[in-house]
Amino acid sequence: MQITKRNFLGTTAGLIALAATFGTAASAQDMTEIRMGYIADYFGTSMVAIATEKGLWEKHGLDADTKVFTNGPIQVQALNAGSLDFAYIGPGALWLPASGQAKVIAVNALGYTDRVIAQPGIDGIEGLKGKKVGVPEGTSGDMLLRLALDRAGMTTDDIEVVKMDPSTIVTAFASGQIDGAGIWYPFVDVIKQRIPDLGELTSNEDFFPEIAFPSSFIVSDAMAGNEEAILKVNAVIKEALDFRRDNLDEAVSITAKFLGVPEGPLKAEAVQAKLPSSAELEELTRNGNVGNWFDTLANLYADFGKIDEPLPASEFYLGDLYAR
């Protein structure tokens, strides 16, 4: 066949198209599909929002299906049911991996967002004695309430605990149906819009540094053996967390856009935490500090009667993968 400019170009174009097709197929083949849970507040969503906005999932070889939840325990149920692979939990749900129901893969932040709040006129934890106190069971709000009661020489038997989800607490507190609550920002800020003179009786920061309150990312037991997937997710987490740390205003804006909510309450939440860099968290993992944070919280849950014999952090925190 005589090679002309036309058929040469046509053949070349065909080869390029064929190569592109094979290249796309190979690229798609390298992508790992995951299902990632998040909670619709700043620290529960910002990593997912930034990763989505900045294309970090694709950059690190992940095809992520993100799913919103109201709290950590429900996400762990989804992990165990096989409908979720990775999730975000606050420190209040750490008892679940500490009891063998999931594995922690990374720290998110050291949060100060939790509060025990009370109606105007109640000035201290002791003032909640005999009162109705709303709390989302098994969450960081629940943990802070128990710690505050213990410090005041009280237990949950001294108050009337009313188990509620966070949005119900907002309504119940604003309407005076409950006297106090163990809850967190941005819900505290929302309640303040209706009751500006509410009392913030205690926060996580009141117990630092003896107790740290790390929120974290977890993986299902079914996915825990997939090191490649975990390393990819950790790469996304690290890049997103460093961006969030260095670009607070933009991170708030991205998260608000992702959730379809105003920026104000999220910004109020965003400043309620210590934010180590990913490099600092790697070093804190290697020197044992992260494991100590998790062990302390797990032992507190044992003290509160939530779990009998917590696993050591070395058995539920995959720190060797995070620090790799």
C-alpha atoms as a PDB file:
ATOM      1  CA  MET A   1       0.000   0.000   0.000  1.00  0.00           C
ATOM      2  CA  GLN A   2       1.275   3.414  -0.927  1.00  0.00           C
ATOM      3  CA  ILE A   3       1.717   5.522   2.189  1.00  0.00           C
ATOM      4  CA  THR A   4       0.240   8.940   1.664  1.00  0.00           C
ATOM      5  CA  LYS A   5       0.084  11.815   4.082  1.00  0.00           C
ATOM      6  CA  ARG A   6      -3.647  11.168   4.545  1.00  0.00           C
ATOM      7  CA  ASN A   7      -3.433   7.466   5.426  1.00  0.00           C
ATOM      8  CA  PHE A   8      -0.292   8.050   7.505  1.00  0.00           C
ATOM      9  CA  LEU A   9      -2.113  10.637   9.590  1.00  0.00           C
ATOM     10  CA  GLY A  10      -5.161   8.426   9.793  1.00  0.00           C
ATOM     11  CA  THR A  11      -3.104   5.440  10.920  1.00  0.00           C
ATOM     12  CA  THR A  12      -1.229   7.572  13.437  1.00  0.00           C
ATOM     13  CA  ALA A  13      -4.476   9.001  14.805  1.00  0.00           C
ATOM     14  CA  GLY A  14      -5.846   5.495  15.133  1.00  0.00           C
ATOM     15  CA  LEU A  15      -2.790   4.340  17.027  1.00  0.00           C
ATOM     16  CA  ILE A  16      -2.962   7.354  19.323  1.00  0.00           C
ATOM     17  CA  ALA A  17      -6.643   6.694  19.969  1.00  0.00           C
ATOM     18  CA  LEU A  18      -5.904   3.020  20.640  1.00  0.00           C
ATOM     19  CA  ALA A  19      -3.092   3.918  23.013  1.00  0.00           C
ATOM     20  CA  ALA A  20      -5.342   6.395  24.785  1.00  0.00           C
ATOM     21  CA  THR A  21      -7.994   3.711  25.128  1.00  0.00           C
ATOM     22  CA  PHE A  22      -5.526   1.262  26.663  1.00  0.00           C
ATOM     23  CA  GLY A  23      -4.102   4.016  28.851  1.00  0.00           C
ATOM     24  CA  THR A  24      -7.552   4.961  30.132  1.00  0.00           C
ATOM     25  CA  ALA A  25      -8.406   1.336  30.820  1.00  0.00           C
ATOM     26  CA  ALA A  26      -5.171   0.841  32.747  1.00  0.00           C
ATOM     27  CA  SER A  27      -5.777   4.019  34.706  1.00  0.00           C
ATOM     28  CA  ALA A  28      -9.324   2.977  35.528  1.00  0.00           C
ATOM     29  CA  GLN A  29      -8.054  -0.447  36.529  1.00  0.00           C
ATOM     30  CA  ASP A  30      -5.699   1.162  39.052  1.00  0.00           C
ATOM     31  CA  MET A  31      -8.551   3.055  40.737  1.00  0.00           C
ATOM     32  CA  THR A  32      -9.791   1.622  44.043  1.00  0.00           C
ATOM     33  CA  GLU A  33     -13.492   1.987  44.782  1.00  0.00           C
ATOM     34  CA  ILE A  34     -14.314   2.942  48.365  1.00  0.00           C
ATOM     35  CA  ARG A  35     -17.347   4.030  50.341  1.00  0.00           C
ATOM     36  CA  MET A  36     -16.489   6.801  52.824  1.00  0.00           C
ATOM     37  CA  GLY A  37     -18.743   8.049  55.605  1.00  0.00           C
ATOM     38  CA  TYR A  38     -18.744  11.528  57.113  1.00  0.00           C
ATOM     39  CA  ILE A  39     -20.730  13.608  59.628  1.00  0.00           C
ATOM     40  CA  ALA A  40     -22.310  16.915  58.598  1.00  0.00           C
ATOM     41  CA  ASP A  41     -20.257  19.305  60.731  1.00  0.00           C
ATOM     42  CA  TYR A  42     -16.942  21.020  60.044  1.00  0.00           C
ATOM     43  CA  PHE A  43     -14.489  18.451  61.366  1.00  0.00           C
ATOM     44  CA  GLY A  44     -16.686  15.576  60.285  1.00  0.00           C
ATOM     45  CA  THR A  45     -16.925  16.821  56.688  1.00  0.00           C
ATOM     46  CA  SER A  46     -13.969  19.075  55.864  1.00  0.00           C
ATOM     47  CA  MET A  47     -11.570  16.314  54.825  1.00  0.00           C
ATOM     48  CA  VAL A  48     -14.142  14.781  52.475  1.00  0.00           C
ATOM     49  CA  ALA A  49     -15.151  18.200  51.130  1.00  0.00           C
ATOM     50  CA  ILE A  50     -11.564  19.303  50.441  1.00  0.00           C
ATOM     51  CA  ALA A  51     -10.662  15.959  48.860  1.00  0.00           C
ATOM     52  CA  THR A  52     -13.685  16.241  46.583  1.00  0.00           C
ATOM     53  CA  GLU A  53     -13.157  19.896  45.673  1.00  0.00           C
ATOM     54  CA  LYS A  54      -9.423  19.512  45.034  1.00  0.00           C
ATOM     55  CA  GLY A  55      -9.594  16.188  43.177  1.00  0.00           C
ATOM     56  CA  LEU A  56      -7.541  14.359  45.810  1.00  0.00           C
ATOM     57  CA  TRP A  57      -9.496  11.111  45.528  1.00  0.00           C
ATOM     58  CA  GLU A  58      -8.582  10.753  41.865  1.00  0.00           C
ATOM     59  CA  LYS A  59      -5.036  12.015  42.437  1.00  0.00           C
ATOM     60  CA  HIS A  60      -4.381   9.159  44.862  1.00  0.00           C
ATOM     61  CA  GLY A  61      -6.144   6.462  42.837  1.00  0.00           C
ATOM     62  CA  LEU A  62      -9.523   6.353  44.563  1.00  0.00           C
ATOM     63  CA  ASP A  63     -13.083   6.340  43.272  1.00  0.00           C
ATOM     64  CA  ALA A  64     -14.892   7.519  46.400  1.00  0.00           C
ATOM     65  CA  ASP A  65     -18.611   7.250  47.099  1.00  0.00           C
ATOM     66  CA  THR A  66     -19.195   9.572  50.084  1.00  0.00           C
ATOM     67  CA  LYS A  67     -22.161   9.076  52.404  1.00  0.00           C
ATOM     68  CA  VAL A  68     -23.421  11.376  55.175  1.00  0.00           C
ATOM     69  CA  PHE A  69     -24.362  10.153  58.676  1.00  0.00           C
ATOM     70  CA  THR A  70     -25.508  11.808  61.899  1.00  0.00           C
ATOM     71  CA  ASN A  71     -22.973  10.200  64.251  1.00  0.00           C
ATOM     72  CA  GLY A  72     -20.131   7.724  64.605  1.00  0.00           C
ATOM     73  CA  PRO A  73     -21.935   4.683  66.042  1.00  0.00           C
ATOM     74  CA  ILE A  74     -24.315   4.557  63.076  1.00  0.00           C
ATOM     75  CA  GLN A  75     -21.324   4.575  60.733  1.00  0.00           C
ATOM     76  CA  VAL A  76     -19.759   1.663  62.604  1.00  0.00           C
ATOM     77  CA  GLN A  77     -23.026  -0.229  62.184  1.00  0.00           C
ATOM     78  CA  ALA A  78     -22.772   0.462  58.450  1.00  0.00           C
ATOM     79  CA  LEU A  79     -19.144  -0.732  58.407  1.00  0.00           C
ATOM     80  CA  ASN A  80     -20.119  -3.969  60.110  1.00  0.00           C
ATOM     81  CA  ALA A  81     -23.112  -4.427  57.805  1.00  0.00           C
ATOM     82  CA  GLY A  82     -20.828  -4.189  54.779  1.00  0.00           C
ATOM     83  CA  SER A  83     -22.381  -1.005  53.379  1.00  0.00           C
ATOM     84  CA  LEU A  84     -19.408   1.254  54.199  1.00  0.00           C
ATOM     85  CA  ASP A  85     -15.610   0.854  54.020  1.00  0.00           C
ATOM     86  CA  PHE A  86     -14.202   3.925  55.783  1.00  0.00           C
ATOM     87  CA  ALA A  87     -15.736   6.427  58.191  1.00  0.00           C
ATOM     88  CA  TYR A  88     -15.155   9.419  60.448  1.00  0.00           C
ATOM     89  CA  ILE A  89     -15.804   9.255  64.208  1.00  0.00           C
ATOM     90  CA  GLY A  90     -15.472  11.716  67.047  1.00  0.00           C
ATOM     91  CA  PRO A  91     -13.667  10.779  70.274  1.00  0.00           C
ATOM     92  CA  GLY A  92     -16.964   9.756  71.847  1.00  0.00           C
ATOM     93  CA  ALA A  93     -17.289   6.777  69.504  1.00  0.00           C
ATOM     94  CA  LEU A  94     -13.762   5.487  70.076  1.00  0.00           C
ATOM     95  CA  TRP A  95     -15.156   2.788  72.341  1.00  0.00           C
ATOM     96  CA  LEU A  96     -16.298   0.983  69.194  1.00  0.00           C
ATOM     97  CA  PRO A  97     -12.823   0.316  67.721  1.00  0.00           C
ATOM     98  CA  ALA A  98     -11.536  -0.146  71.286  1.00  0.00           C
ATOM     99  CA  SER A  99     -14.031  -3.007  71.618  1.00  0.00           C
ATOM    100  CA  GLY A 100     -12.925  -4.577  68.339  1.00  0.00           C
ATOM    101  CA  GLN A 101     -15.635  -3.264  66.007  1.00  0.00           C
ATOM    102  CA  ALA A 102     -13.372  -1.322  63.593  1.00  0.00           C
ATOM    103  CA  LYS A 103      -9.774  -0.172  63.136  1.00  0.00           C
ATOM    104  CA  VAL A 104      -8.486   3.418  63.373  1.00  0.00           C
ATOM    105  CA  ILE A 105      -6.323   4.494  60.429  1.00  0.00           C
ATOM    106  CA  ALA A 106      -5.648   8.203  61.088  1.00  0.00           C
ATOM    107  CA  VAL A 107      -6.184  11.106  63.479  1.00  0.00           C
ATOM    108  CA  ASN A 108      -8.322  13.979  62.177  1.00  0.00           C
ATOM    109  CA  ALA A 109      -7.973  16.691  64.839  1.00  0.00           C
ATOM    110  CA  LEU A 110      -7.733  17.239  68.582  1.00  0.00           C
ATOM    111  CA  GLY A 111     -11.108  18.775  69.114  1.00  0.00           C
ATOM    112  CA  TYR A 112     -12.452  21.225  71.654  1.00  0.00           C
ATOM    113  CA  THR A 113     -15.882  21.410  70.039  1.00  0.00           C
ATOM    114  CA  ASP A 114     -17.835  19.524  72.709  1.00  0.00           C
ATOM    115  CA  ARG A 115     -19.714  21.326  75.460  1.00  0.00           C
ATOM    116  CA  VAL A 116     -21.976  20.641  78.387  1.00  0.00           C
ATOM    117  CA  ILE A 117     -24.515  23.447  78.134  1.00  0.00           C
ATOM    118  CA  ALA A 118     -27.346  24.505  80.422  1.00  0.00           C
ATOM    119  CA  GLN A 119     -30.315  26.812  80.455  1.00  0.00           C
ATOM    120  CA  PRO A 120     -29.698  30.357  81.766  1.00  0.00           C
ATOM    121  CA  GLY A 121     -29.465  30.406  85.543  1.00  0.00           C
ATOM    122  CA  ILE A 122     -27.726  27.032  85.863  1.00  0.00           C
ATOM    123  CA  ASP A 123     -24.166  28.000  86.692  1.00  0.00           C
ATOM    124  CA  GLY A 124     -22.348  24.698  87.210  1.00  0.00           C
ATOM    125  CA  ILE A 125     -22.526  20.955  86.664  1.00  0.00           C
ATOM    126  CA  GLU A 126     -23.953  20.570  90.163  1.00  0.00           C
ATOM    127  CA  GLY A 127     -26.916  22.662  89.016  1.00  0.00           C
ATOM    128  CA  LEU A 128     -27.934  19.837  86.673  1.00  0.00           C
ATOM    129  CA  LYS A 129     -28.738  17.495  89.564  1.00  0.00           C
ATOM    130  CA  GLY A 130     -32.215  16.079  89.059  1.00  0.00           C
ATOM    131  CA  LYS A 131     -32.556  17.930  85.729  1.00  0.00           C
ATOM    132  CA  LYS A 132     -33.285  16.651  82.225  1.00  0.00           C
ATOM    133  CA  VAL A 133     -30.100  16.504  80.162  1.00  0.00           C
ATOM    134  CA  GLY A 134     -30.176  15.601  76.472  1.00  0.00           C
ATOM    135  CA  VAL A 135     -27.305  13.628  74.992  1.00  0.00           C
ATOM    136  CA  PRO A 136     -26.623  11.651  71.809  1.00  0.00           C
ATOM    137  CA  GLU A 137     -25.643   8.312  73.304  1.00  0.00           C
ATOM    138  CA  GLY A 138     -22.147   7.001  72.581  1.00  0.00           C
ATOM    139  CA  THR A 139     -20.827  10.294  71.218  1.00  0.00           C
ATOM    140  CA  SER A 140     -18.185  12.776  72.347  1.00  0.00           C
ATOM    141  CA  GLY A 141     -20.950  14.842  73.941  1.00  0.00           C
ATOM    142  CA  ASP A 142     -21.844  11.806  76.040  1.00  0.00           C
ATOM    143  CA  MET A 143     -18.205  11.344  77.056  1.00  0.00           C
ATOM    144  CA  LEU A 144     -17.721  14.985  78.052  1.00  0.00           C
ATOM    145  CA  LEU A 145     -20.912  14.925  80.121  1.00  0.00           C
ATOM    146  CA  ARG A 146     -19.703  11.843  82.006  1.00  0.00           C
ATOM    147  CA  LEU A 147     -16.271  13.386  82.599  1.00  0.00           C
ATOM    148  CA  ALA A 148     -17.833  16.609  83.877  1.00  0.00           C
ATOM    149  CA  LEU A 149     -20.175  14.728  86.193  1.00  0.00           C
ATOM    150  CA  ASP A 150     -17.309  12.626  87.542  1.00  0.00           C
ATOM    151  CA  ARG A 151     -15.192  15.722  88.244  1.00  0.00           C
ATOM    152  CA  ALA A 152     -18.146  17.168  90.170  1.00  0.00           C
ATOM    153  CA  GLY A 153     -18.516  13.955  92.197  1.00  0.00           C
ATOM    154  CA  MET A 154     -21.670  12.959  90.338  1.00  0.00           C
ATOM    155  CA  THR A 155     -22.784  10.228  87.928  1.00  0.00           C
ATOM    156  CA  THR A 156     -25.524   9.911  85.322  1.00  0.00           C
ATOM    157  CA  ASP A 157     -27.740   8.591  88.131  1.00  0.00           C
ATOM    158  CA  ASP A 158     -27.794  12.141  89.525  1.00  0.00           C
ATOM    159  CA  ILE A 159     -29.447  13.556  86.398  1.00  0.00           C
ATOM    160  CA  GLU A 160     -32.281  12.515  84.104  1.00  0.00           C
ATOM    161  CA  VAL A 161     -30.541  11.465  80.904  1.00  0.00           C
ATOM    162  CA  VAL A 162     -32.657  11.938  77.789  1.00  0.00           C
ATOM    163  CA  LYS A 163     -31.212  10.181  74.732  1.00  0.00           C
ATOM    164  CA  MET A 164     -31.638  12.351  71.633  1.00  0.00           C
ATOM    165  CA  ASP A 165     -30.022  12.927  68.273  1.00  0.00           C
ATOM    166  CA  PRO A 166     -28.236  16.295  67.875  1.00  0.00           C
ATOM    167  CA  SER A 167     -30.942  18.063  65.851  1.00  0.00           C
ATOM    168  CA  THR A 168     -33.594  17.054  68.394  1.00  0.00           C
ATOM    169  CA  ILE A 169     -31.437  18.480  71.180  1.00  0.00           C
ATOM    170  CA  VAL A 170     -31.388  21.847  69.388  1.00  0.00           C
ATOM    171  CA  THR A 171     -35.186  21.954  69.275  1.00  0.00           C
ATOM    172  CA  ALA A 172     -35.706  20.562  72.777  1.00  0.00           C
ATOM    173  CA  PHE A 173     -33.198  22.935  74.379  1.00  0.00           C
ATOM    174  CA  ALA A 174     -34.538  25.979  72.541  1.00  0.00           C
ATOM    175  CA  SER A 175     -38.098  25.165  73.643  1.00  0.00           C
ATOM    176  CA  GLY A 176     -37.113  24.517  77.256  1.00  0.00           C
ATOM    177  CA  GLN A 177     -37.966  20.812  77.210  1.00  0.00           C
ATOM    178  CA  ILE A 178     -34.509  19.929  78.564  1.00  0.00           C
ATOM    179  CA  ASP A 179     -32.359  21.742  81.101  1.00  0.00           C
ATOM    180  CA  GLY A 180     -28.947  20.819  79.756  1.00  0.00           C
ATOM    181  CA  ALA A 181     -27.141  18.893  77.041  1.00  0.00           C
ATOM    182  CA  GLY A 182     -23.903  17.202  76.104  1.00  0.00           C
ATOM    183  CA  ILE A 183     -23.487  18.488  72.554  1.00  0.00           C
ATOM    184  CA  TRP A 184     -20.931  20.063  70.215  1.00  0.00           C
ATOM    185  CA  TYR A 185     -20.331  22.879  67.761  1.00  0.00           C
ATOM    186  CA  PRO A 186     -21.868  23.879  65.364  1.00  0.00           C
ATOM    187  CA  PHE A 187     -25.050  22.780  67.223  1.00  0.00           C
ATOM    188  CA  VAL A 188     -24.041  24.897  70.232  1.00  0.00           C
ATOM    189  CA  ASP A 189     -23.766  27.924  67.977  1.00  0.00           C
ATOM    190  CA  VAL A 190     -27.189  27.212  66.467  1.00  0.00           C
ATOM    191  CA  ILE A 191     -28.723  26.992  69.950  1.00  0.00           C
ATOM    192  CA  LYS A 192     -26.992  30.257  70.918  1.00  0.00           C
ATOM    193  CA  GLN A 193     -28.858  32.029  68.133  1.00  0.00           C
ATOM    194  CA  ARG A 194     -32.064  31.260  70.038  1.00  0.00           C
ATOM    195  CA  ILE A 195     -30.767  31.402  73.613  1.00  0.00           C
ATOM    196  CA  PRO A 196     -27.744  33.752  73.644  1.00  0.00           C
ATOM    197  CA  ASP A 197     -27.272  33.604  77.413  1.00  0.00           C
ATOM    198  CA  LEU A 198     -27.129  29.809  77.732  1.00  0.00           C
ATOM    199  CA  GLY A 199     -24.394  28.503  80.018  1.00  0.00           C
ATOM    200  CA  GLU A 200     -21.366  26.644  78.645  1.00  0.00           C
ATOM    201  CA  LEU A 201     -20.490  24.652  81.761  1.00  0.00           C
ATOM    202  CA  THR A 202     -17.448  22.776  80.463  1.00  0.00           C
ATOM    203  CA  SER A 203     -15.516  21.881  77.299  1.00  0.00           C
ATOM    204  CA  ASN A 204     -12.931  19.324  76.186  1.00  0.00           C
ATOM    205  CA  GLU A 205     -10.198  21.896  76.734  1.00  0.00           C
ATOM    206  CA  ASP A 206     -10.874  21.826  80.482  1.00  0.00           C
ATOM    207  CA  PHE A 207      -9.431  18.284  80.574  1.00  0.00           C
ATOM    208  CA  PHE A 208      -6.357  18.867  78.365  1.00  0.00           C
ATOM    209  CA  PRO A 209      -3.504  17.815  78.438  1.00  0.00           C
ATOM    210  CA  GLU A 210      -4.367  14.932  80.789  1.00  0.00           C
ATOM    211  CA  ILE A 211      -6.965  13.822  78.270  1.00  0.00           C
ATOM    212  CA  ALA A 212      -6.863  14.527  74.543  1.00  0.00           C
ATOM    213  CA  PHE A 213      -9.938  14.176  72.355  1.00  0.00           C
ATOM    214  CA  PRO A 214      -8.829  13.009  68.908  1.00  0.00           C
ATOM    215  CA  SER A 215     -11.418  12.536  66.206  1.00  0.00           C
ATOM    216  CA  SER A 216     -10.318   9.926  63.708  1.00  0.00           C
ATOM    217  CA  PHE A 217     -10.886   7.945  60.551  1.00  0.00           C
ATOM    218  CA  ILE A 218     -11.670   4.254  60.746  1.00  0.00           C
ATOM    219  CA  VAL A 219     -11.855   1.270  58.438  1.00  0.00           C
ATOM    220  CA  SER A 220     -14.079  -1.809  58.500  1.00  0.00           C
ATOM    221  CA  ASP A 221     -12.585  -5.111  59.565  1.00  0.00           C
ATOM    222  CA  ALA A 222     -13.383  -6.433  56.083  1.00  0.00           C
ATOM    223  CA  MET A 223     -11.191  -3.713  54.503  1.00  0.00           C
ATOM    224  CA  ALA A 224      -8.541  -3.611  57.244  1.00  0.00           C
ATOM    225  CA  GLY A 225      -6.332  -6.119  55.435  1.00  0.00           C
ATOM    226  CA  ASN A 226      -6.284  -4.070  52.233  1.00  0.00           C
ATOM    227  CA  GLU A 227      -3.097  -2.099  52.865  1.00  0.00           C
ATOM    228  CA  GLU A 228      -3.106  -0.579  49.387  1.00  0.00           C
ATOM    229  CA  ALA A 229      -6.549   0.958  49.899  1.00  0.00           C
ATOM    230  CA  ILE A 230      -5.676   2.215  53.384  1.00  0.00           C
ATOM    231  CA  LEU A 231      -2.434   3.812  52.178  1.00  0.00           C
ATOM    232  CA  LYS A 232      -4.335   5.559  49.388  1.00  0.00           C
ATOM    233  CA  VAL A 233      -6.976   6.863  51.829  1.00  0.00           C
ATOM    234  CA  ASN A 234      -4.265   7.986  54.245  1.00  0.00           C
ATOM    235  CA  ALA A 235      -2.564   9.902  51.427  1.00  0.00           C
ATOM    236  CA  VAL A 236      -5.828  11.754  50.758  1.00  0.00           C
ATOM    237  CA  ILE A 237      -6.368  12.417  54.449  1.00  0.00           C
ATOM    238  CA  LYS A 238      -2.863  13.783  54.969  1.00  0.00           C
ATOM    239  CA  GLU A 239      -3.027  16.156  52.003  1.00  0.00           C
ATOM    240  CA  ALA A 240      -6.538  17.352  52.881  1.00  0.00           C
ATOM    241  CA  LEU A 241      -5.668  17.883  56.554  1.00  0.00           C
ATOM    242  CA  ASP A 242      -2.564  19.894  55.729  1.00  0.00           C
ATOM    243  CA  PHE A 243      -4.582  22.044  53.324  1.00  0.00           C
ATOM    244  CA  ARG A 244      -7.232  22.590  56.016  1.00  0.00           C
ATOM    245  CA  ARG A 245      -4.587  23.555  58.553  1.00  0.00           C
ATOM    246  CA  ASP A 246      -2.907  26.078  56.270  1.00  0.00           C
ATOM    247  CA  ASN A 247      -6.023  27.538  54.584  1.00  0.00           C
ATOM    248  CA  LEU A 248      -8.717  27.910  57.240  1.00  0.00           C
ATOM    249  CA  ASP A 249     -10.964  30.396  55.438  1.00  0.00           C
ATOM    250  CA  GLU A 250     -10.926  28.476  52.163  1.00  0.00           C
ATOM    251  CA  ALA A 251     -11.435  25.175  53.991  1.00  0.00           C
ATOM    252  CA  VAL A 252     -14.512  26.596  55.729  1.00  0.00           C
ATOM    253  CA  SER A 253     -15.831  27.924  52.417  1.00  0.00           C
ATOM    254  CA  ILE A 254     -15.311  24.568  50.673  1.00  0.00           C
ATOM    255  CA  THR A 255     -17.002  22.681  53.507  1.00  0.00           C
ATOM    256  CA  ALA A 256     -19.970  25.071  53.645  1.00  0.00           C
ATOM    257  CA  LYS A 257     -20.435  24.727  49.878  1.00  0.00           C
ATOM    258  CA  PHE A 258     -20.216  20.930  50.111  1.00  0.00           C
ATOM    259  CA  LEU A 259     -22.837  20.813  52.882  1.00  0.00           C
ATOM    260  CA  GLY A 260     -24.995  23.616  51.457  1.00  0.00           C
ATOM    261  CA  VAL A 261     -24.952  25.566  54.738  1.00  0.00           C
ATOM    262  CA  PRO A 262     -23.820  29.054  55.864  1.00  0.00           C
ATOM    263  CA  GLU A 263     -20.139  29.501  56.688  1.00  0.00           C
ATOM    264  CA  GLY A 264     -20.671  31.195  60.075  1.00  0.00           C
ATOM    265  CA  PRO A 265     -21.422  28.158  62.273  1.00  0.00           C
ATOM    266  CA  LEU A 266     -18.687  26.135  60.578  1.00  0.00           C
ATOM    267  CA  LYS A 267     -16.106  28.853  61.198  1.00  0.00           C
ATOM    268  CA  ALA A 268     -17.141  28.949  64.855  1.00  0.00           C
ATOM    269  CA  GLU A 269     -16.465  25.208  65.008  1.00  0.00           C
ATOM    270  CA  ALA A 270     -13.249  25.343  62.962  1.00  0.00           C
ATOM    271  CA  VAL A 271     -11.296  27.251  65.617  1.00  0.00           C
ATOM    272  CA  GLN A 272     -12.244  24.788  68.378  1.00  0.00           C
ATOM    273  CA  ALA A 273      -9.352  22.383  67.865  1.00  0.00           C
ATOM    274  CA  LYS A 274      -5.631  21.773  67.794  1.00  0.00           C
ATOM    275  CA  LEU A 275      -4.543  20.866  64.273  1.00  0.00           C
ATOM    276  CA  PRO A 276      -1.222  19.012  64.074  1.00  0.00           C
ATOM    277  CA  SER A 277       0.196  18.650  60.581  1.00  0.00           C
ATOM    278  CA  SER A 278       0.323  15.207  58.974  1.00  0.00           C
ATOM    279  CA  ALA A 279       4.103  15.153  59.520  1.00  0.00           C
ATOM    280  CA  GLU A 280       3.598  15.939  63.213  1.00  0.00           C
ATOM    281  CA  LEU A 281       0.968  13.202  63.481  1.00  0.00           C
ATOM    282  CA  GLU A 282       3.357  10.732  61.872  1.00  0.00           C
ATOM    283  CA  GLU A 283       5.983  11.585  64.499  1.00  0.00           C
ATOM    284  CA  LEU A 284       3.411  11.507  67.316  1.00  0.00           C
ATOM    285  CA  THR A 285       2.428   8.053  66.082  1.00  0.00           C
ATOM    286  CA  ARG A 286       6.027   6.813  66.022  1.00  0.00           C
ATOM    287  CA  ASN A 287       6.784   8.084  69.537  1.00  0.00           C
ATOM    288  CA  GLY A 288       3.649   6.528  71.000  1.00  0.00           C
ATOM    289  CA  ASN A 289       1.689   9.682  71.851  1.00  0.00           C
ATOM    290  CA  VAL A 290      -1.233   8.892  69.538  1.00  0.00           C
ATOM    291  CA  GLY A 291      -1.496   5.400  70.989  1.00  0.00           C
ATOM    292  CA  ASN A 292      -1.525   6.911  74.488  1.00  0.00           C
ATOM    293  CA  TRP A 293      -4.407   9.250  73.529  1.00  0.00           C
ATOM    294  CA  PHE A 294      -6.444   6.297  72.321  1.00  0.00           C
ATOM    295  CA  ASP A 295      -5.562   4.140  75.334  1.00  0.00           C
ATOM    296  CA  THR A 296      -6.619   6.911  77.745  1.00  0.00           C
ATOM    297  CA  LEU A 297      -9.995   7.348  76.078  1.00  0.00           C
ATOM    298  CA  ALA A 298     -10.567   3.595  75.874  1.00  0.00           C
ATOM    299  CA  ASN A 299      -9.812   3.208  79.580  1.00  0.00           C
ATOM    300  CA  LEU A 300     -12.205   6.052  80.390  1.00  0.00           C
ATOM    301  CA  TYR A 301     -14.959   4.157  78.620  1.00  0.00           C
ATOM    302  CA  ALA A 302     -14.120   1.126  80.740  1.00  0.00           C
ATOM    303  CA  ASP A 303     -14.358   3.312  83.854  1.00  0.00           C
ATOM    304  CA  PHE A 304     -17.760   4.562  82.675  1.00  0.00           C
ATOM    305  CA  GLY A 305     -18.958   0.978  82.171  1.00  0.00           C
ATOM    306  CA  LYS A 306     -19.316   1.374  78.410  1.00  0.00           C
ATOM    307  CA  ILE A 307     -16.932  -1.502  77.648  1.00  0.00           C
ATOM    308  CA  ASP A 308     -15.475  -4.188  79.901  1.00  0.00           C
ATOM    309  CA  GLU A 309     -11.957  -4.801  78.642  1.00  0.00           C
ATOM    310  CA  PRO A 310     -10.778  -2.313  75.998  1.00  0.00           C
ATOM    311  CA  LEU A 311      -8.206  -3.467  73.488  1.00  0.00           C
ATOM    312  CA  PRO A 312      -4.822  -1.721  73.644  1.00  0.00           C
ATOM    313  CA  ALA A 313      -4.380   0.916  70.948  1.00  0.00           C
ATOM    314  CA  SER A 314      -1.700  -1.255  69.346  1.00  0.00           C
ATOM    315  CA  GLU A 315      -4.491  -3.662  68.359  1.00  0.00           C
ATOM    316  CA  PHE A 316      -6.972  -1.160  66.915  1.00  0.00           C
ATOM    317  CA  TYR A 317      -4.822   1.724  65.603  1.00  0.00           C
ATOM    318  CA  LEU A 318      -3.021   0.910  62.345  1.00  0.00           C
ATOM    319  CA  GLY A 319      -0.281   3.400  63.122  1.00  0.00           C
ATOM    320  CA  ASP A 320       2.398   1.539  61.212  1.00  0.00           C
ATOM    321  CA  LEU A 321       0.502   2.274  57.996  1.00  0.00           C
ATOM    322  CA  TYR A 322      -0.057   5.931  58.892  1.00  0.00           C
ATOM    323  CA  ALA A 323       3.610   6.521  59.736  1.00  0.00           C
ATOM    324  CA  ARG A 324       4.897   4.597  56.710  1.00  0.00           C
END
